[in-house]
Amino acid sequence: MPTYQSEGSSGLDLRAAVDGEITLQPGEIKLIPIGLSISLPHGYEAQVRPRSGLALQHGLGLVNSPGTIDSDYRGEIGVIAINWGKKEVTVKRGDRIGQIVITKVSRAIIEEVVELDSTKRGDGGFGHSGV
């Protein structure tokens, strides 16, 4: 079962549900099963995120971070891991491999317009505000 590791934790740690172990070579991507399915209420989502300690110590991250689990998905959760490091990383059954944050979501009402309202920023994009 996923668990909060401290009273202030935002995410529940997810544990690998692999048979034996999985090794990721540098640059390699693999789907790591969690052995868990969830049922979220409508209006909520779960975000699968990396664990900072794994990233710093081993270069292990998630390819689609955060990965979104919609309220109507009922399949098994998996973590799409990538080894950004220079050495192979081995994941064993029960290792904390990611975390999941449950959050409320809003659905947008889409409206097509000819012109947008103006703001001080306008269309200033990447790097427009300086360093």
N, C-alpha and C. Protein backbone atom coordinates (compact mmCIF):
# COMPACT_ATOMS: atom_id res chain seq x y z
N MET A 1 0.84 -1.19 0.00
CA MET A 1 0.00 0.00 0.00
C MET A 1 0.89 1.25 0.00
N PRO A 2 0.44 2.28 -0.70
CA PRO A 2 1.20 3.53 -0.64
C PRO A 2 1.11 4.13 0.76
N THR A 3 2.16 4.84 1.16
CA THR A 3 2.18 5.42 2.50
C THR A 3 2.78 6.81 2.48
N TYR A 4 2.27 7.69 3.38
CA TYR A 4 2.90 8.97 3.63
C TYR A 4 4.08 8.70 4.57
N GLN A 5 5.23 9.26 4.25
CA GLN A 5 6.41 8.99 5.06
C GLN A 5 6.56 9.94 6.24
N SER A 6 5.84 11.06 6.22
CA SER A 6 5.87 11.97 7.36
C SER A 6 4.53 12.70 7.45
N GLU A 7 4.32 13.39 8.56
CA GLU A 7 3.06 14.09 8.77
C GLU A 7 2.84 15.19 7.74
N GLY A 8 3.92 15.78 7.21
CA GLY A 8 3.80 16.86 6.25
C GLY A 8 3.94 16.44 4.80
N SER A 9 4.03 15.15 4.53
CA SER A 9 4.20 14.67 3.15
C SER A 9 2.98 14.99 2.30
N SER A 10 3.21 15.51 1.10
CA SER A 10 2.13 15.75 0.14
C SER A 10 1.81 14.50 -0.65
N GLY A 11 2.84 13.70 -0.92
CA GLY A 11 2.67 12.51 -1.74
C GLY A 11 2.78 11.23 -0.96
N LEU A 12 2.04 10.25 -1.44
CA LEU A 12 2.14 8.88 -0.92
C LEU A 12 3.22 8.16 -1.71
N ASP A 13 4.15 7.52 -1.03
CA ASP A 13 5.20 6.79 -1.73
C ASP A 13 4.64 5.53 -2.37
N LEU A 14 5.06 5.30 -3.61
CA LEU A 14 4.66 4.12 -4.37
C LEU A 14 5.81 3.12 -4.38
N ARG A 15 5.50 1.86 -4.20
CA ARG A 15 6.52 0.81 -4.14
C ARG A 15 6.47 -0.07 -5.39
N ALA A 16 7.64 -0.47 -5.83
CA ALA A 16 7.75 -1.32 -7.01
C ALA A 16 7.15 -2.70 -6.73
N ALA A 17 6.34 -3.19 -7.65
CA ALA A 17 5.74 -4.52 -7.54
C ALA A 17 6.32 -5.41 -8.64
N VAL A 18 7.64 -5.47 -8.68
CA VAL A 18 8.33 -6.27 -9.71
C VAL A 18 8.59 -7.66 -9.18
N ASP A 19 8.70 -8.62 -10.09
CA ASP A 19 9.13 -9.96 -9.73
C ASP A 19 10.65 -9.95 -9.74
N GLY A 20 11.24 -10.07 -8.59
CA GLY A 20 12.71 -10.02 -8.53
C GLY A 20 13.20 -8.60 -8.55
N GLU A 21 13.83 -8.21 -9.66
CA GLU A 21 14.34 -6.85 -9.80
C GLU A 21 14.39 -6.44 -11.27
N ILE A 22 14.44 -5.13 -11.50
CA ILE A 22 14.56 -4.56 -12.84
C ILE A 22 15.80 -3.67 -12.83
N THR A 23 16.64 -3.81 -13.84
CA THR A 23 17.82 -2.95 -13.96
C THR A 23 17.64 -2.02 -15.14
N LEU A 24 17.92 -0.75 -14.91
CA LEU A 24 17.87 0.27 -15.96
C LEU A 24 19.29 0.72 -16.24
N GLN A 25 19.70 0.58 -17.49
CA GLN A 25 21.01 1.08 -17.92
C GLN A 25 20.90 2.59 -18.13
N PRO A 26 22.02 3.31 -18.14
CA PRO A 26 21.96 4.75 -18.40
C PRO A 26 21.19 5.04 -19.69
N GLY A 27 20.23 5.96 -19.61
CA GLY A 27 19.41 6.33 -20.76
C GLY A 27 18.23 5.41 -21.01
N GLU A 28 18.11 4.33 -20.29
CA GLU A 28 17.05 3.36 -20.54
C GLU A 28 15.75 3.75 -19.83
N ILE A 29 14.63 3.45 -20.50
CA ILE A 29 13.29 3.72 -19.98
C ILE A 29 12.57 2.38 -19.79
N LYS A 30 11.94 2.21 -18.63
CA LYS A 30 11.15 1.00 -18.38
C LYS A 30 9.91 1.35 -17.56
N LEU A 31 8.85 0.60 -17.81
CA LEU A 31 7.63 0.72 -17.02
C LEU A 31 7.77 -0.17 -15.79
N ILE A 32 7.65 0.44 -14.63
CA ILE A 32 7.76 -0.31 -13.38
C ILE A 32 6.37 -0.41 -12.77
N PRO A 33 5.86 -1.64 -12.64
CA PRO A 33 4.51 -1.82 -12.09
C PRO A 33 4.49 -1.50 -10.59
N ILE A 34 3.34 -1.00 -10.14
CA ILE A 34 3.16 -0.65 -8.73
C ILE A 34 2.26 -1.67 -8.03
N GLY A 35 1.50 -2.45 -8.81
CA GLY A 35 0.62 -3.45 -8.22
C GLY A 35 -0.58 -2.84 -7.53
N LEU A 36 -1.02 -1.69 -8.04
CA LEU A 36 -2.09 -0.94 -7.39
C LEU A 36 -3.00 -0.32 -8.44
N SER A 37 -4.29 -0.40 -8.21
CA SER A 37 -5.29 0.32 -8.99
C SER A 37 -6.09 1.14 -8.00
N ILE A 38 -6.59 2.29 -8.46
CA ILE A 38 -7.34 3.16 -7.55
C ILE A 38 -8.64 3.60 -8.20
N SER A 39 -9.57 4.06 -7.37
CA SER A 39 -10.82 4.62 -7.82
C SER A 39 -10.94 6.01 -7.21
N LEU A 40 -10.77 7.02 -8.06
CA LEU A 40 -10.85 8.41 -7.60
C LEU A 40 -12.25 8.96 -7.85
N PRO A 41 -12.73 9.83 -6.98
CA PRO A 41 -14.02 10.47 -7.24
C PRO A 41 -13.90 11.42 -8.43
N HIS A 42 -15.00 11.64 -9.13
CA HIS A 42 -15.04 12.61 -10.21
C HIS A 42 -14.59 13.96 -9.66
N GLY A 43 -13.79 14.68 -10.42
CA GLY A 43 -13.29 15.97 -9.96
C GLY A 43 -11.94 15.90 -9.28
N TYR A 44 -11.34 14.71 -9.26
CA TYR A 44 -10.01 14.53 -8.66
C TYR A 44 -9.10 13.85 -9.66
N GLU A 45 -7.82 14.01 -9.48
CA GLU A 45 -6.81 13.29 -10.25
C GLU A 45 -5.71 12.87 -9.31
N ALA A 46 -4.90 11.94 -9.78
CA ALA A 46 -3.68 11.56 -9.06
C ALA A 46 -2.51 11.90 -9.97
N GLN A 47 -1.48 12.49 -9.41
CA GLN A 47 -0.27 12.79 -10.17
C GLN A 47 0.86 11.92 -9.66
N VAL A 48 1.48 11.17 -10.57
CA VAL A 48 2.64 10.35 -10.24
C VAL A 48 3.88 11.19 -10.47
N ARG A 49 4.70 11.30 -9.45
CA ARG A 49 5.88 12.16 -9.49
C ARG A 49 7.12 11.39 -9.06
N PRO A 50 8.29 11.91 -9.45
CA PRO A 50 9.53 11.26 -9.02
C PRO A 50 9.82 11.52 -7.55
N ARG A 51 10.74 10.76 -7.01
CA ARG A 51 11.23 10.99 -5.65
C ARG A 51 12.58 11.69 -5.77
N SER A 52 12.74 12.78 -5.05
CA SER A 52 13.94 13.61 -5.18
C SER A 52 15.21 12.87 -4.78
N GLY A 53 15.15 12.02 -3.78
CA GLY A 53 16.33 11.28 -3.35
C GLY A 53 16.85 10.35 -4.44
N LEU A 54 15.95 9.68 -5.15
CA LEU A 54 16.36 8.80 -6.25
C LEU A 54 16.98 9.60 -7.38
N ALA A 55 16.42 10.78 -7.63
CA ALA A 55 16.95 11.64 -8.70
C ALA A 55 18.37 12.11 -8.35
N LEU A 56 18.55 12.60 -7.13
CA LEU A 56 19.85 13.13 -6.72
C LEU A 56 20.90 12.03 -6.58
N GLN A 57 20.56 10.94 -5.93
CA GLN A 57 21.53 9.90 -5.63
C GLN A 57 21.81 8.95 -6.79
N HIS A 58 20.80 8.72 -7.66
CA HIS A 58 20.96 7.70 -8.71
C HIS A 58 20.64 8.21 -10.12
N GLY A 59 20.13 9.42 -10.24
CA GLY A 59 19.75 9.93 -11.56
C GLY A 59 18.48 9.32 -12.09
N LEU A 60 17.66 8.74 -11.21
CA LEU A 60 16.43 8.07 -11.63
C LEU A 60 15.28 9.07 -11.62
N GLY A 61 14.60 9.20 -12.75
CA GLY A 61 13.48 10.13 -12.86
C GLY A 61 12.31 9.48 -13.56
N LEU A 62 11.28 10.27 -13.83
CA LEU A 62 10.11 9.80 -14.55
C LEU A 62 10.02 10.54 -15.87
N VAL A 63 9.73 9.80 -16.93
CA VAL A 63 9.70 10.39 -18.27
C VAL A 63 8.55 11.38 -18.40
N ASN A 64 7.38 11.01 -17.97
CA ASN A 64 6.21 11.90 -18.08
C ASN A 64 5.85 12.41 -16.69
N SER A 65 6.62 13.35 -16.23
CA SER A 65 6.42 13.83 -14.87
C SER A 65 5.78 15.20 -14.88
N PRO A 66 4.65 15.39 -14.22
CA PRO A 66 3.92 14.33 -13.52
C PRO A 66 3.05 13.52 -14.48
N GLY A 67 2.89 12.27 -14.16
CA GLY A 67 1.97 11.42 -14.91
C GLY A 67 0.59 11.56 -14.30
N THR A 68 -0.41 11.75 -15.13
CA THR A 68 -1.77 11.97 -14.64
C THR A 68 -2.58 10.69 -14.66
N ILE A 69 -3.26 10.42 -13.55
CA ILE A 69 -4.21 9.32 -13.47
C ILE A 69 -5.58 9.97 -13.34
N ASP A 70 -6.41 9.79 -14.37
CA ASP A 70 -7.74 10.39 -14.40
C ASP A 70 -8.70 9.64 -13.48
N SER A 71 -9.77 10.32 -13.10
CA SER A 71 -10.74 9.73 -12.16
C SER A 71 -11.46 8.51 -12.74
N ASP A 72 -11.49 8.37 -14.07
CA ASP A 72 -12.18 7.22 -14.66
C ASP A 72 -11.24 6.07 -15.05
N TYR A 73 -9.94 6.17 -14.74
CA TYR A 73 -9.00 5.09 -15.04
C TYR A 73 -9.05 4.04 -13.93
N ARG A 74 -9.13 2.79 -14.32
CA ARG A 74 -9.21 1.71 -13.34
C ARG A 74 -8.12 0.66 -13.49
N GLY A 75 -7.15 0.89 -14.36
CA GLY A 75 -6.08 -0.08 -14.55
C GLY A 75 -4.98 0.07 -13.51
N GLU A 76 -4.00 -0.81 -13.63
CA GLU A 76 -2.86 -0.77 -12.71
C GLU A 76 -2.01 0.47 -12.97
N ILE A 77 -1.54 1.08 -11.91
CA ILE A 77 -0.64 2.22 -12.00
C ILE A 77 0.76 1.71 -12.27
N GLY A 78 1.46 2.40 -13.15
CA GLY A 78 2.85 2.09 -13.43
C GLY A 78 3.67 3.37 -13.43
N VAL A 79 4.93 3.26 -13.15
CA VAL A 79 5.85 4.39 -13.14
C VAL A 79 6.77 4.23 -14.35
N ILE A 80 6.76 5.23 -15.25
CA ILE A 80 7.63 5.18 -16.43
C ILE A 80 8.96 5.82 -16.05
N ALA A 81 9.90 4.98 -15.64
CA ALA A 81 11.17 5.44 -15.09
C ALA A 81 12.23 5.56 -16.18
N ILE A 82 13.14 6.52 -15.97
CA ILE A 82 14.30 6.69 -16.85
C ILE A 82 15.54 6.85 -15.98
N ASN A 83 16.61 6.25 -16.43
CA ASN A 83 17.88 6.39 -15.75
C ASN A 83 18.66 7.51 -16.42
N TRP A 84 18.65 8.70 -15.83
CA TRP A 84 19.39 9.85 -16.34
C TRP A 84 20.86 9.79 -15.91
N GLY A 85 21.19 8.86 -15.03
CA GLY A 85 22.54 8.79 -14.47
C GLY A 85 23.56 8.13 -15.38
N LYS A 86 24.75 7.94 -14.84
CA LYS A 86 25.87 7.35 -15.59
C LYS A 86 26.10 5.87 -15.26
N LYS A 87 25.43 5.38 -14.20
CA LYS A 87 25.56 3.98 -13.79
C LYS A 87 24.21 3.29 -13.85
N GLU A 88 24.21 1.97 -13.97
CA GLU A 88 22.95 1.24 -13.96
C GLU A 88 22.27 1.37 -12.60
N VAL A 89 20.93 1.32 -12.62
CA VAL A 89 20.14 1.41 -11.40
C VAL A 89 19.27 0.17 -11.33
N THR A 90 19.28 -0.49 -10.19
CA THR A 90 18.48 -1.69 -9.99
C THR A 90 17.34 -1.38 -9.03
N VAL A 91 16.12 -1.73 -9.45
CA VAL A 91 14.92 -1.54 -8.65
C VAL A 91 14.47 -2.92 -8.19
N LYS A 92 14.27 -3.06 -6.88
CA LYS A 92 13.83 -4.33 -6.31
C LYS A 92 12.40 -4.21 -5.81
N ARG A 93 11.74 -5.34 -5.68
CA ARG A 93 10.37 -5.38 -5.16
C ARG A 93 10.32 -4.66 -3.81
N GLY A 94 9.35 -3.74 -3.69
CA GLY A 94 9.18 -3.01 -2.44
C GLY A 94 9.93 -1.70 -2.36
N ASP A 95 10.84 -1.44 -3.32
CA ASP A 95 11.56 -0.16 -3.32
C ASP A 95 10.56 0.98 -3.57
N ARG A 96 10.74 2.08 -2.86
CA ARG A 96 9.93 3.27 -3.11
C ARG A 96 10.44 3.92 -4.39
N ILE A 97 9.62 3.89 -5.42
CA ILE A 97 10.05 4.25 -6.77
C ILE A 97 9.45 5.57 -7.27
N GLY A 98 8.40 6.05 -6.64
CA GLY A 98 7.75 7.29 -7.04
C GLY A 98 6.80 7.71 -5.94
N GLN A 99 6.05 8.76 -6.21
CA GLN A 99 5.05 9.19 -5.25
C GLN A 99 3.81 9.64 -6.00
N ILE A 100 2.70 9.62 -5.29
CA ILE A 100 1.43 9.99 -5.91
C ILE A 100 0.77 11.06 -5.05
N VAL A 101 0.31 12.12 -5.71
CA VAL A 101 -0.37 13.22 -5.05
C VAL A 101 -1.80 13.26 -5.58
N ILE A 102 -2.77 13.29 -4.68
CA ILE A 102 -4.18 13.36 -5.06
C ILE A 102 -4.61 14.83 -4.96
N THR A 103 -5.23 15.32 -6.02
CA THR A 103 -5.60 16.74 -6.04
C THR A 103 -6.94 16.95 -6.75
N LYS A 104 -7.60 18.01 -6.37
CA LYS A 104 -8.87 18.40 -6.99
C LYS A 104 -8.57 19.07 -8.33
N VAL A 105 -9.41 18.85 -9.32
CA VAL A 105 -9.22 19.48 -10.62
C VAL A 105 -10.50 20.21 -11.04
N SER A 106 -10.30 21.20 -11.89
CA SER A 106 -11.42 21.93 -12.47
C SER A 106 -11.43 21.66 -13.97
N ARG A 107 -12.59 21.60 -14.55
CA ARG A 107 -12.70 21.44 -16.00
C ARG A 107 -12.97 22.79 -16.62
N ALA A 108 -12.23 23.10 -17.65
CA ALA A 108 -12.33 24.39 -18.32
C ALA A 108 -13.57 24.42 -19.23
N ILE A 109 -14.10 25.60 -19.38
CA ILE A 109 -15.15 25.84 -20.38
C ILE A 109 -14.44 26.51 -21.56
N ILE A 110 -14.42 25.84 -22.70
CA ILE A 110 -13.70 26.32 -23.87
C ILE A 110 -14.58 27.25 -24.68
N GLU A 111 -14.03 28.40 -25.01
CA GLU A 111 -14.77 29.38 -25.79
C GLU A 111 -13.84 29.94 -26.86
N GLU A 112 -14.26 29.87 -28.10
CA GLU A 112 -13.46 30.43 -29.19
C GLU A 112 -13.73 31.93 -29.29
N VAL A 113 -12.63 32.72 -29.37
CA VAL A 113 -12.77 34.17 -29.50
C VAL A 113 -11.88 34.66 -30.64
N VAL A 114 -12.17 35.83 -31.15
CA VAL A 114 -11.37 36.43 -32.21
C VAL A 114 -10.15 37.14 -31.62
N GLU A 115 -10.34 37.72 -30.43
CA GLU A 115 -9.28 38.50 -29.81
C GLU A 115 -9.26 38.23 -28.31
N LEU A 116 -8.05 38.23 -27.72
CA LEU A 116 -7.92 38.04 -26.27
C LEU A 116 -7.90 39.38 -25.57
N ASP A 117 -8.27 39.36 -24.28
CA ASP A 117 -8.15 40.58 -23.49
C ASP A 117 -6.66 40.92 -23.34
N SER A 118 -6.34 42.17 -23.09
CA SER A 118 -4.94 42.58 -23.02
C SER A 118 -4.45 42.56 -21.57
N THR A 119 -3.14 42.33 -21.42
CA THR A 119 -2.48 42.38 -20.11
C THR A 119 -1.18 43.15 -20.26
N LYS A 120 -0.59 43.54 -19.14
CA LYS A 120 0.69 44.25 -19.18
C LYS A 120 1.77 43.39 -19.83
N ARG A 121 1.78 42.09 -19.56
CA ARG A 121 2.77 41.19 -20.14
C ARG A 121 2.55 40.99 -21.63
N GLY A 122 1.31 40.90 -22.03
CA GLY A 122 1.00 40.68 -23.44
C GLY A 122 1.50 39.32 -23.91
N ASP A 123 2.19 39.31 -25.06
CA ASP A 123 2.67 38.04 -25.60
C ASP A 123 4.14 37.79 -25.28
N GLY A 124 4.68 38.49 -24.27
CA GLY A 124 6.07 38.27 -23.85
C GLY A 124 6.27 36.84 -23.41
N GLY A 125 7.19 36.14 -24.06
CA GLY A 125 7.37 34.71 -23.80
C GLY A 125 8.63 34.38 -23.03
N PHE A 126 9.24 33.30 -23.41
CA PHE A 126 10.39 32.74 -22.71
C PHE A 126 11.51 33.76 -22.54
N GLY A 127 11.87 34.05 -21.29
CA GLY A 127 12.98 34.92 -20.99
C GLY A 127 12.70 36.39 -21.12
N HIS A 128 11.46 36.77 -21.37
CA HIS A 128 11.16 38.18 -21.60
C HIS A 128 11.38 39.08 -20.38
N SER A 129 11.34 38.48 -19.18
CA SER A 129 11.46 39.30 -17.97
C SER A 129 12.91 39.37 -17.47
N GLY A 130 13.85 38.80 -18.20
CA GLY A 130 15.25 38.87 -17.80
C GLY A 130 15.70 37.66 -17.00
N VAL A 131 16.88 37.80 -16.43
CA VAL A 131 17.47 36.69 -15.69
C VAL A 131 17.28 36.87 -14.20
